[in-house]
């Protein structure tokens, strides 16, 4: 696999994270596995929308899922996903602070 392929795969993961609800899902389940119902209770919104987000994230390898009876449980495939999101949030906060200094 050459660098170009890695960049394409990397971009696909970034695209999968390019929605506020998906970032909220990562933040919500970062420390423990949760069922669909538990995630829905925390995040809210339409069931069908949450289902699509979770399915897409599982397909991209961001989440793992397992079935137990009628319930589907989700967790991060790696804690590094949550770490990467936290780092990006830190960059965002730093940029906001820099801009505020220029405004004030």
PDB file of N, CA and C in Angstrom:
ATOM      1  N   UNK A   1       0.850  -1.184   0.000  1.00  0.00           N
ATOM      2  CA  UNK A   1       0.000   0.000   0.000  1.00  0.00           C
ATOM      3  C   UNK A   1       0.891   1.240   0.000  1.00  0.00           C
ATOM      4  N   UNK A   2       0.658   2.119  -0.957  1.00  0.00           N
ATOM      5  CA  UNK A   2       1.483   3.319  -1.035  1.00  0.00           C
ATOM      6  C   UNK A   2       0.837   4.474  -0.261  1.00  0.00           C
ATOM      7  N   UNK A   3       1.581   5.583  -0.174  1.00  0.00           N
ATOM      8  CA  UNK A   3       1.099   6.741   0.589  1.00  0.00           C
ATOM      9  C   UNK A   3      -0.215   7.286   0.073  1.00  0.00           C
ATOM     10  N   UNK A   4      -0.402   7.278  -1.237  1.00  0.00           N
ATOM     11  CA  UNK A   4      -1.652   7.802  -1.808  1.00  0.00           C
ATOM     12  C   UNK A   4      -2.848   7.024  -1.276  1.00  0.00           C
ATOM     13  N   UNK A   5      -2.722   5.703  -1.202  1.00  0.00           N
ATOM     14  CA  UNK A   5      -3.817   4.879  -0.690  1.00  0.00           C
ATOM     15  C   UNK A   5      -4.091   5.177   0.778  1.00  0.00           C
ATOM     16  N   UNK A   6      -3.034   5.376   1.540  1.00  0.00           N
ATOM     17  CA  UNK A   6      -3.193   5.717   2.962  1.00  0.00           C
ATOM     18  C   UNK A   6      -3.914   7.054   3.100  1.00  0.00           C
ATOM     19  N   UNK A   7      -3.549   8.033   2.272  1.00  0.00           N
ATOM     20  CA  UNK A   7      -4.215   9.340   2.323  1.00  0.00           C
ATOM     21  C   UNK A   7      -5.702   9.214   1.991  1.00  0.00           C
ATOM     22  N   UNK A   8      -6.024   8.378   1.024  1.00  0.00           N
ATOM     23  CA  UNK A   8      -7.431   8.173   0.655  1.00  0.00           C
ATOM     24  C   UNK A   8      -8.195   7.524   1.806  1.00  0.00           C
ATOM     25  N   UNK A   9      -7.622   6.496   2.409  1.00  0.00           N
ATOM     26  CA  UNK A   9      -8.271   5.836   3.551  1.00  0.00           C
ATOM     27  C   UNK A   9      -8.418   6.793   4.729  1.00  0.00           C
ATOM     28  N   UNK A  10      -7.390   7.582   4.960  1.00  0.00           N
ATOM     29  CA  UNK A  10      -7.417   8.577   6.040  1.00  0.00           C
ATOM     30  C   UNK A  10      -8.551   9.580   5.795  1.00  0.00           C
ATOM     31  N   UNK A  11      -8.650  10.058   4.564  1.00  0.00           N
ATOM     32  CA  UNK A  11      -9.708  11.008   4.211  1.00  0.00           C
ATOM     33  C   UNK A  11     -11.089  10.395   4.406  1.00  0.00           C
ATOM     34  N   UNK A  12     -11.227   9.113   4.106  1.00  0.00           N
ATOM     35  CA  UNK A  12     -12.520   8.449   4.297  1.00  0.00           C
ATOM     36  C   UNK A  12     -12.912   8.380   5.770  1.00  0.00           C
ATOM     37  N   UNK A  13     -11.939   8.149   6.629  1.00  0.00           N
ATOM     38  CA  UNK A  13     -12.221   8.143   8.070  1.00  0.00           C
ATOM     39  C   UNK A  13     -12.616   9.553   8.516  1.00  0.00           C
ATOM     40  N   UNK A  14     -11.900  10.555   8.030  1.00  0.00           N
ATOM     41  CA  UNK A  14     -12.235  11.938   8.391  1.00  0.00           C
ATOM     42  C   UNK A  14     -13.638  12.302   7.908  1.00  0.00           C
ATOM     43  N   UNK A  15     -14.004  11.849   6.713  1.00  0.00           N
ATOM     44  CA  UNK A  15     -15.359  12.096   6.212  1.00  0.00           C
ATOM     45  C   UNK A  15     -16.393  11.455   7.120  1.00  0.00           C
ATOM     46  N   UNK A  16     -16.084  10.249   7.594  1.00  0.00           N
ATOM     47  CA  UNK A  16     -17.022   9.547   8.475  1.00  0.00           C
ATOM     48  C   UNK A  16     -17.212  10.289   9.793  1.00  0.00           C
ATOM     49  N   UNK A  17     -16.236  11.093  10.170  1.00  0.00           N
ATOM     50  CA  UNK A  17     -16.325  11.866  11.416  1.00  0.00           C
ATOM     51  C   UNK A  17     -16.844  13.278  11.167  1.00  0.00           C
ATOM     52  N   UNK A  18     -17.180  13.575   9.925  1.00  0.00           N
ATOM     53  CA  UNK A  18     -17.545  14.930   9.544  1.00  0.00           C
ATOM     54  C   UNK A  18     -18.986  15.305   9.813  1.00  0.00           C
ATOM     55  N   UNK A  19     -19.534  14.851  10.919  1.00  0.00           N
ATOM     56  CA  UNK A  19     -20.898  15.214  11.293  1.00  0.00           C
ATOM     57  C   UNK A  19     -20.939  15.366  12.809  1.00  0.00           C
ATOM     58  N   UNK A  20     -21.583  16.416  13.276  1.00  0.00           N
ATOM     59  CA  UNK A  20     -21.606  16.707  14.716  1.00  0.00           C
ATOM     60  C   UNK A  20     -22.179  15.545  15.527  1.00  0.00           C
ATOM     61  N   UNK A  21     -23.198  14.879  15.016  1.00  0.00           N
ATOM     62  CA  UNK A  21     -23.797  13.760  15.749  1.00  0.00           C
ATOM     63  C   UNK A  21     -22.796  12.627  15.919  1.00  0.00           C
ATOM     64  N   UNK A  22     -21.988  12.381  14.922  1.00  0.00           N
ATOM     65  CA  UNK A  22     -21.004  11.303  15.014  1.00  0.00           C
ATOM     66  C   UNK A  22     -19.917  11.627  16.032  1.00  0.00           C
ATOM     67  N   UNK A  23     -19.532  12.869  16.094  1.00  0.00           N
ATOM     68  CA  UNK A  23     -18.556  13.276  17.112  1.00  0.00           C
ATOM     69  C   UNK A  23     -19.184  13.168  18.502  1.00  0.00           C
ATOM     70  N   UNK A  24     -20.453  13.519  18.603  1.00  0.00           N
ATOM     71  CA  UNK A  24     -21.156  13.380  19.885  1.00  0.00           C
ATOM     72  C   UNK A  24     -21.265  11.912  20.289  1.00  0.00           C
ATOM     73  N   UNK A  25     -21.483  11.026  19.326  1.00  0.00           N
ATOM     74  CA  UNK A  25     -21.532   9.592  19.619  1.00  0.00           C
ATOM     75  C   UNK A  25     -20.190   9.142  20.202  1.00  0.00           C
ATOM     76  N   UNK A  26     -19.109   9.559  19.574  1.00  0.00           N
ATOM     77  CA  UNK A  26     -17.775   9.186  20.060  1.00  0.00           C
ATOM     78  C   UNK A  26     -17.577   9.687  21.481  1.00  0.00           C
ATOM     79  N   UNK A  27     -17.957  10.918  21.734  1.00  0.00           N
ATOM     80  CA  UNK A  27     -17.823  11.496  23.070  1.00  0.00           C
ATOM     81  C   UNK A  27     -18.683  10.737  24.077  1.00  0.00           C
ATOM     82  N   UNK A  28     -19.851  10.307  23.656  1.00  0.00           N
ATOM     83  CA  UNK A  28     -20.794   9.624  24.545  1.00  0.00           C
ATOM     84  C   UNK A  28     -20.333   8.220  24.920  1.00  0.00           C
ATOM     85  N   UNK A  29     -19.780   7.490  23.962  1.00  0.00           N
ATOM     86  CA  UNK A  29     -19.428   6.089  24.238  1.00  0.00           C
ATOM     87  C   UNK A  29     -17.931   5.862  24.436  1.00  0.00           C
ATOM     88  N   UNK A  30     -17.176   6.927  24.589  1.00  0.00           N
ATOM     89  CA  UNK A  30     -15.717   6.773  24.636  1.00  0.00           C
ATOM     90  C   UNK A  30     -15.229   5.906  25.784  1.00  0.00           C
ATOM     91  N   UNK A  31     -15.942   5.874  26.885  1.00  0.00           N
ATOM     92  CA  UNK A  31     -15.454   5.136  28.050  1.00  0.00           C
ATOM     93  C   UNK A  31     -16.117   3.784  28.260  1.00  0.00           C
ATOM     94  N   UNK A  32     -17.211   3.515  27.544  1.00  0.00           N
ATOM     95  CA  UNK A  32     -17.889   2.244  27.759  1.00  0.00           C
ATOM     96  C   UNK A  32     -18.793   1.874  26.591  1.00  0.00           C
ATOM     97  N   UNK A  33     -19.066   0.619  26.511  1.00  0.00           N
ATOM     98  CA  UNK A  33     -19.981   0.091  25.516  1.00  0.00           C
ATOM     99  C   UNK A  33     -21.401   0.495  25.898  1.00  0.00           C
ATOM    100  N   UNK A  34     -22.200   0.852  24.891  1.00  0.00           N
ATOM    101  CA  UNK A  34     -23.582   1.255  25.162  1.00  0.00           C
ATOM    102  C   UNK A  34     -24.509   0.646  24.117  1.00  0.00           C
ATOM    103  N   UNK A  35     -25.734   0.389  24.547  1.00  0.00           N
ATOM    104  CA  UNK A  35     -26.731  -0.126  23.614  1.00  0.00           C
ATOM    105  C   UNK A  35     -27.283   1.021  22.774  1.00  0.00           C
ATOM    106  N   UNK A  36     -27.926   0.655  21.681  1.00  0.00           N
ATOM    107  CA  UNK A  36     -28.567   1.650  20.831  1.00  0.00           C
ATOM    108  C   UNK A  36     -29.502   2.521  21.660  1.00  0.00           C
ATOM    109  N   UNK A  37     -30.320   1.902  22.491  1.00  0.00           N
ATOM    110  CA  UNK A  37     -31.274   2.646  23.314  1.00  0.00           C
ATOM    111  C   UNK A  37     -30.597   3.617  24.264  1.00  0.00           C
ATOM    112  N   UNK A  38     -29.488   3.202  24.863  1.00  0.00           N
ATOM    113  CA  UNK A  38     -28.760   4.089  25.776  1.00  0.00           C
ATOM    114  C   UNK A  38     -28.185   5.288  25.032  1.00  0.00           C
ATOM    115  N   UNK A  39     -27.648   5.031  23.843  1.00  0.00           N
ATOM    116  CA  UNK A  39     -27.083   6.124  23.039  1.00  0.00           C
ATOM    117  C   UNK A  39     -28.196   7.078  22.628  1.00  0.00           C
ATOM    118  N   UNK A  40     -29.318   6.533  22.195  1.00  0.00           N
ATOM    119  CA  UNK A  40     -30.460   7.353  21.790  1.00  0.00           C
ATOM    120  C   UNK A  40     -30.947   8.209  22.949  1.00  0.00           C
ATOM    121  N   UNK A  41     -30.998   7.634  24.136  1.00  0.00           N
ATOM    122  CA  UNK A  41     -31.437   8.374  25.320  1.00  0.00           C
ATOM    123  C   UNK A  41     -30.518   9.556  25.617  1.00  0.00           C
ATOM    124  N   UNK A  42     -29.217   9.361  25.459  1.00  0.00           N
ATOM    125  CA  UNK A  42     -28.241  10.434  25.733  1.00  0.00           C
ATOM    126  C   UNK A  42     -28.230  11.502  24.646  1.00  0.00           C
ATOM    127  N   UNK A  43     -28.298  11.076  23.385  1.00  0.00           N
ATOM    128  CA  UNK A  43     -28.128  11.996  22.261  1.00  0.00           C
ATOM    129  C   UNK A  43     -29.453  12.566  21.775  1.00  0.00           C
ATOM    130  N   UNK A  44     -30.472  11.724  21.764  1.00  0.00           N
ATOM    131  CA  UNK A  44     -31.768  12.165  21.249  1.00  0.00           C
ATOM    132  C   UNK A  44     -31.807  12.127  19.734  1.00  0.00           C
ATOM    133  N   UNK A  45     -32.852  12.693  19.181  1.00  0.00           N
ATOM    134  CA  UNK A  45     -33.012  12.718  17.729  1.00  0.00           C
ATOM    135  C   UNK A  45     -33.783  11.513  17.230  1.00  0.00           C
ATOM    136  N   UNK A  46     -34.028  11.482  15.933  1.00  0.00           N
ATOM    137  CA  UNK A  46     -34.780  10.365  15.349  1.00  0.00           C
ATOM    138  C   UNK A  46     -33.989   9.057  15.391  1.00  0.00           C
ATOM    139  N   UNK A  47     -34.683   7.960  15.669  1.00  0.00           N
ATOM    140  CA  UNK A  47     -34.045   6.642  15.708  1.00  0.00           C
ATOM    141  C   UNK A  47     -33.368   6.307  14.383  1.00  0.00           C
ATOM    142  N   UNK A  48     -34.051   6.602  13.288  1.00  0.00           N
ATOM    143  CA  UNK A  48     -33.514   6.236  11.976  1.00  0.00           C
ATOM    144  C   UNK A  48     -32.209   6.970  11.688  1.00  0.00           C
ATOM    145  N   UNK A  49     -32.122   8.216  12.094  1.00  0.00           N
ATOM    146  CA  UNK A  49     -30.909   9.002  11.872  1.00  0.00           C
ATOM    147  C   UNK A  49     -29.752   8.431  12.690  1.00  0.00           C
ATOM    148  N   UNK A  50     -30.011   8.139  13.963  1.00  0.00           N
ATOM    149  CA  UNK A  50     -28.967   7.570  14.818  1.00  0.00           C
ATOM    150  C   UNK A  50     -28.525   6.226  14.272  1.00  0.00           C
ATOM    151  N   UNK A  51     -29.461   5.430  13.836  1.00  0.00           N
ATOM    152  CA  UNK A  51     -29.142   4.120  13.277  1.00  0.00           C
ATOM    153  C   UNK A  51     -28.220   4.246  12.064  1.00  0.00           C
ATOM    154  N   UNK A  52     -28.492   5.202  11.204  1.00  0.00           N
ATOM    155  CA  UNK A  52     -27.644   5.423  10.018  1.00  0.00           C
ATOM    156  C   UNK A  52     -26.236   5.853  10.417  1.00  0.00           C
ATOM    157  N   UNK A  53     -26.145   6.757  11.393  1.00  0.00           N
ATOM    158  CA  UNK A  53     -24.831   7.211  11.853  1.00  0.00           C
ATOM    159  C   UNK A  53     -24.025   6.046  12.432  1.00  0.00           C
ATOM    160  N   UNK A  54     -24.657   5.262  13.301  1.00  0.00           N
ATOM    161  CA  UNK A  54     -23.956   4.144  13.928  1.00  0.00           C
ATOM    162  C   UNK A  54     -23.528   3.111  12.894  1.00  0.00           C
ATOM    163  N   UNK A  55     -24.406   2.827  11.962  1.00  0.00           N
ATOM    164  CA  UNK A  55     -24.090   1.859  10.912  1.00  0.00           C
ATOM    165  C   UNK A  55     -22.905   2.323  10.070  1.00  0.00           C
ATOM    166  N   UNK A  56     -22.913   3.582   9.683  1.00  0.00           N
ATOM    167  CA  UNK A  56     -21.831   4.129   8.879  1.00  0.00           C
ATOM    168  C   UNK A  56     -20.509   4.074   9.643  1.00  0.00           C
ATOM    169  N   UNK A  57     -20.548   4.424  10.905  1.00  0.00           N
ATOM    170  CA  UNK A  57     -19.329   4.427  11.711  1.00  0.00           C
ATOM    171  C   UNK A  57     -18.796   3.008  11.921  1.00  0.00           C
ATOM    172  N   UNK A  58     -19.702   2.051  12.049  1.00  0.00           N
ATOM    173  CA  UNK A  58     -19.280   0.650  12.188  1.00  0.00           C
ATOM    174  C   UNK A  58     -18.680   0.145  10.879  1.00  0.00           C
ATOM    175  N   UNK A  59     -19.301   0.509   9.767  1.00  0.00           N
ATOM    176  CA  UNK A  59     -18.793   0.094   8.458  1.00  0.00           C
ATOM    177  C   UNK A  59     -17.398   0.642   8.209  1.00  0.00           C
ATOM    178  N   UNK A  60     -17.149   1.873   8.652  1.00  0.00           N
ATOM    179  CA  UNK A  60     -15.835   2.507   8.454  1.00  0.00           C
ATOM    180  C   UNK A  60     -14.794   2.030   9.469  1.00  0.00           C
ATOM    181  N   UNK A  61     -15.208   1.196  10.436  1.00  0.00           N
ATOM    182  CA  UNK A  61     -14.265   0.671  11.413  1.00  0.00           C
ATOM    183  C   UNK A  61     -14.031   1.565  12.611  1.00  0.00           C
ATOM    184  N   UNK A  62     -14.852   2.591  12.770  1.00  0.00           N
ATOM    185  CA  UNK A  62     -14.719   3.498  13.909  1.00  0.00           C
ATOM    186  C   UNK A  62     -15.343   2.872  15.154  1.00  0.00           C
ATOM    187  N   UNK A  63     -16.431   2.139  14.953  1.00  0.00           N
ATOM    188  CA  UNK A  63     -17.133   1.461  16.038  1.00  0.00           C
ATOM    189  C   UNK A  63     -17.148  -0.037  15.795  1.00  0.00           C
ATOM    190  N   UNK A  64     -17.263  -0.783  16.878  1.00  0.00           N
ATOM    191  CA  UNK A  64     -17.580  -2.199  16.772  1.00  0.00           C
ATOM    192  C   UNK A  64     -18.977  -2.380  17.338  1.00  0.00           C
ATOM    193  N   UNK A  65     -19.643  -3.411  16.871  1.00  0.00           N
ATOM    194  CA  UNK A  65     -20.990  -3.666  17.375  1.00  0.00           C
ATOM    195  C   UNK A  65     -21.146  -5.147  17.668  1.00  0.00           C
ATOM    196  N   UNK A  66     -22.007  -5.436  18.627  1.00  0.00           N
ATOM    197  CA  UNK A  66     -22.330  -6.824  18.934  1.00  0.00           C
ATOM    198  C   UNK A  66     -23.804  -6.896  19.304  1.00  0.00           C
ATOM    199  N   UNK A  67     -24.389  -8.016  18.979  1.00  0.00           N
ATOM    200  CA  UNK A  67     -25.804  -8.231  19.293  1.00  0.00           C
ATOM    201  C   UNK A  67     -25.908  -9.118  20.514  1.00  0.00           C
ATOM    202  N   UNK A  68     -26.846  -8.765  21.360  1.00  0.00           N
ATOM    203  CA  UNK A  68     -27.170  -9.593  22.516  1.00  0.00           C
ATOM    204  C   UNK A  68     -28.688  -9.585  22.635  1.00  0.00           C
ATOM    205  N   UNK A  69     -29.297 -10.682  22.259  1.00  0.00           N
ATOM    206  CA  UNK A  69     -30.758 -10.724  22.221  1.00  0.00           C
ATOM    207  C   UNK A  69     -31.262  -9.729  21.191  1.00  0.00           C
ATOM    208  N   UNK A  70     -32.147  -8.856  21.622  1.00  0.00           N
ATOM    209  CA  UNK A  70     -32.706  -7.842  20.727  1.00  0.00           C
ATOM    210  C   UNK A  70     -31.886  -6.559  20.699  1.00  0.00           C
ATOM    211  N   UNK A  71     -30.898  -6.463  21.565  1.00  0.00           N
ATOM    212  CA  UNK A  71     -30.099  -5.239  21.679  1.00  0.00           C
ATOM    213  C   UNK A  71     -28.817  -5.310  20.860  1.00  0.00           C
ATOM    214  N   UNK A  72     -28.440  -4.152  20.329  1.00  0.00           N
ATOM    215  CA  UNK A  72     -27.146  -4.007  19.657  1.00  0.00           C
ATOM    216  C   UNK A  72     -26.320  -3.045  20.508  1.00  0.00           C
ATOM    217  N   UNK A  73     -25.099  -3.456  20.817  1.00  0.00           N
ATOM    218  CA  UNK A  73     -24.197  -2.661  21.638  1.00  0.00           C
ATOM    219  C   UNK A  73     -23.054  -2.136  20.778  1.00  0.00           C
ATOM    220  N   UNK A  74     -22.640  -0.915  21.067  1.00  0.00           N
ATOM    221  CA  UNK A  74     -21.584  -0.251  20.301  1.00  0.00           C
ATOM    222  C   UNK A  74     -20.472   0.198  21.241  1.00  0.00           C
ATOM    223  N   UNK A  75     -19.248   0.146  20.716  1.00  0.00           N
ATOM    224  CA  UNK A  75     -18.103   0.729  21.419  1.00  0.00           C
ATOM    225  C   UNK A  75     -17.094   1.179  20.381  1.00  0.00           C
ATOM    226  N   UNK A  76     -16.179   2.027  20.802  1.00  0.00           N
ATOM    227  CA  UNK A  76     -15.131   2.492  19.892  1.00  0.00           C
ATOM    228  C   UNK A  76     -14.216   1.324  19.544  1.00  0.00           C
ATOM    229  N   UNK A  77     -13.783   1.277  18.308  1.00  0.00           N
ATOM    230  CA  UNK A  77     -12.876   0.214  17.884  1.00  0.00           C
ATOM    231  C   UNK A  77     -11.494   0.403  18.508  1.00  0.00           C
ATOM    232  N   UNK A  78     -11.176   1.646  18.866  1.00  0.00           N
ATOM    233  CA  UNK A  78      -9.898   1.972  19.501  1.00  0.00           C
ATOM    234  C   UNK A  78     -10.077   3.246  20.318  1.00  0.00           C
ATOM    235  N   UNK A  79      -9.442   3.292  21.468  1.00  0.00           N
ATOM    236  CA  UNK A  79      -9.505   4.511  22.279  1.00  0.00           C
ATOM    237  C   UNK A  79      -8.841   5.686  21.564  1.00  0.00           C
ATOM    238  N   UNK A  80      -8.012   5.387  20.565  1.00  0.00           N
ATOM    239  CA  UNK A  80      -7.328   6.428  19.808  1.00  0.00           C
ATOM    240  C   UNK A  80      -8.304   7.302  19.027  1.00  0.00           C
ATOM    241  N   UNK A  81      -9.472   6.760  18.712  1.00  0.00           N
ATOM    242  CA  UNK A  81     -10.496   7.557  18.024  1.00  0.00           C
ATOM    243  C   UNK A  81     -10.921   8.722  18.920  1.00  0.00           C
ATOM    244  N   UNK A  82     -11.187   8.432  20.184  1.00  0.00           N
ATOM    245  CA  UNK A  82     -11.578   9.480  21.134  1.00  0.00           C
ATOM    246  C   UNK A  82     -10.433  10.453  21.366  1.00  0.00           C
ATOM    247  N   UNK A  83      -9.220   9.947  21.433  1.00  0.00           N
ATOM    248  CA  UNK A  83      -8.047  10.810  21.629  1.00  0.00           C
ATOM    249  C   UNK A  83      -7.905  11.766  20.447  1.00  0.00           C
ATOM    250  N   UNK A  84      -8.046  11.243  19.236  1.00  0.00           N
ATOM    251  CA  UNK A  84      -7.939  12.096  18.037  1.00  0.00           C
ATOM    252  C   UNK A  84      -9.004  13.190  18.059  1.00  0.00           C
ATOM    253  N   UNK A  85     -10.217  12.844  18.458  1.00  0.00           N
ATOM    254  CA  UNK A  85     -11.293  13.850  18.517  1.00  0.00           C
ATOM    255  C   UNK A  85     -11.002  14.898  19.582  1.00  0.00           C
ATOM    256  N   UNK A  86     -10.459  14.470  20.718  1.00  0.00           N
ATOM    257  CA  UNK A  86     -10.105  15.437  21.771  1.00  0.00           C
ATOM    258  C   UNK A  86      -9.012  16.381  21.297  1.00  0.00           C
ATOM    259  N   UNK A  87      -8.032  15.852  20.588  1.00  0.00           N
ATOM    260  CA  UNK A  87      -6.946  16.699  20.074  1.00  0.00           C
ATOM    261  C   UNK A  87      -7.498  17.724  19.092  1.00  0.00           C
ATOM    262  N   UNK A  88      -8.381  17.301  18.206  1.00  0.00           N
ATOM    263  CA  UNK A  88      -8.976  18.244  17.253  1.00  0.00           C
ATOM    264  C   UNK A  88      -9.798  19.307  17.982  1.00  0.00           C
ATOM    265  N   UNK A  89     -10.490  18.918  19.052  1.00  0.00           N
ATOM    266  CA  UNK A  89     -11.255  19.890  19.836  1.00  0.00           C
ATOM    267  C   UNK A  89     -10.310  20.889  20.493  1.00  0.00           C
ATOM    268  N   UNK A  90      -9.160  20.427  20.971  1.00  0.00           N
ATOM    269  CA  UNK A  90      -8.169  21.328  21.567  1.00  0.00           C
ATOM    270  C   UNK A  90      -7.670  22.336  20.537  1.00  0.00           C
ATOM    271  N   UNK A  91      -7.419  21.881  19.314  1.00  0.00           N
ATOM    272  CA  UNK A  91      -7.000  22.787  18.241  1.00  0.00           C
ATOM    273  C   UNK A  91      -8.090  23.829  17.999  1.00  0.00           C
ATOM    274  N   UNK A  92      -9.330  23.395  17.946  1.00  0.00           N
ATOM    275  CA  UNK A  92     -10.456  24.305  17.751  1.00  0.00           C
ATOM    276  C   UNK A  92     -10.515  25.355  18.858  1.00  0.00           C
ATOM    277  N   UNK A  93     -10.394  24.923  20.098  1.00  0.00           N
ATOM    278  CA  UNK A  93     -10.458  25.853  21.239  1.00  0.00           C
ATOM    279  C   UNK A  93      -9.290  26.838  21.193  1.00  0.00           C
ATOM    280  N   UNK A  94      -8.109  26.358  20.847  1.00  0.00           N
ATOM    281  CA  UNK A  94      -6.951  27.251  20.721  1.00  0.00           C
ATOM    282  C   UNK A  94      -7.198  28.307  19.649  1.00  0.00           C
ATOM    283  N   UNK A  95      -7.748  27.896  18.527  1.00  0.00           N
ATOM    284  CA  UNK A  95      -8.037  28.844  17.449  1.00  0.00           C
ATOM    285  C   UNK A  95      -9.091  29.866  17.865  1.00  0.00           C
ATOM    286  N   UNK A  96     -10.098  29.422  18.580  1.00  0.00           N
ATOM    287  CA  UNK A  96     -11.126  30.352  19.070  1.00  0.00           C
ATOM    288  C   UNK A  96     -10.497  31.380  19.991  1.00  0.00           C
ATOM    289  N   UNK A  97      -9.632  30.937  20.884  1.00  0.00           N
ATOM    290  CA  UNK A  97      -8.971  31.852  21.822  1.00  0.00           C
ATOM    291  C   UNK A  97      -8.089  32.857  21.083  1.00  0.00           C
ATOM    292  N   UNK A  98      -7.378  32.397  20.046  1.00  0.00           N
ATOM    293  CA  UNK A  98      -6.538  33.309  19.264  1.00  0.00           C
ATOM    294  C   UNK A  98      -7.382  34.385  18.594  1.00  0.00           C
ATOM    295  N   UNK A  99      -8.487  33.986  18.035  1.00  0.00           N
ATOM    296  CA  UNK A  99      -9.369  34.943  17.356  1.00  0.00           C
ATOM    297  C   UNK A  99      -9.989  35.921  18.356  1.00  0.00           C
ATOM    298  N   UNK A 100     -10.313  35.439  19.536  1.00  0.00           N
ATOM    299  CA  UNK A 100     -10.895  36.326  20.540  1.00  0.00           C
ATOM    300  C   UNK A 100      -9.897  37.400  20.962  1.00  0.00           C
ATOM    301  N   UNK A 101      -8.621  37.045  21.020  1.00  0.00           N
ATOM    302  CA  UNK A 101      -7.602  38.044  21.385  1.00  0.00           C
ATOM    303  C   UNK A 101      -7.534  39.156  20.357  1.00  0.00           C
ATOM    304  N   UNK A 102      -7.720  38.814  19.084  1.00  0.00           N
ATOM    305  CA  UNK A 102      -7.686  39.829  18.029  1.00  0.00           C
ATOM    306  C   UNK A 102      -8.920  40.723  18.064  1.00  0.00           C
ATOM    307  N   UNK A 103     -10.033  40.166  18.504  1.00  0.00           N
ATOM    308  CA  UNK A 103     -11.290  40.916  18.531  1.00  0.00           C
ATOM    309  C   UNK A 103     -11.327  41.855  19.723  1.00  0.00           C
ATOM    310  N   UNK A 104     -10.825  41.392  20.865  1.00  0.00           N
ATOM    311  CA  UNK A 104     -10.884  42.180  22.104  1.00  0.00           C
ATOM    312  C   UNK A 104      -9.811  43.212  22.177  1.00  0.00           C
TER     313      UNK A 104
END
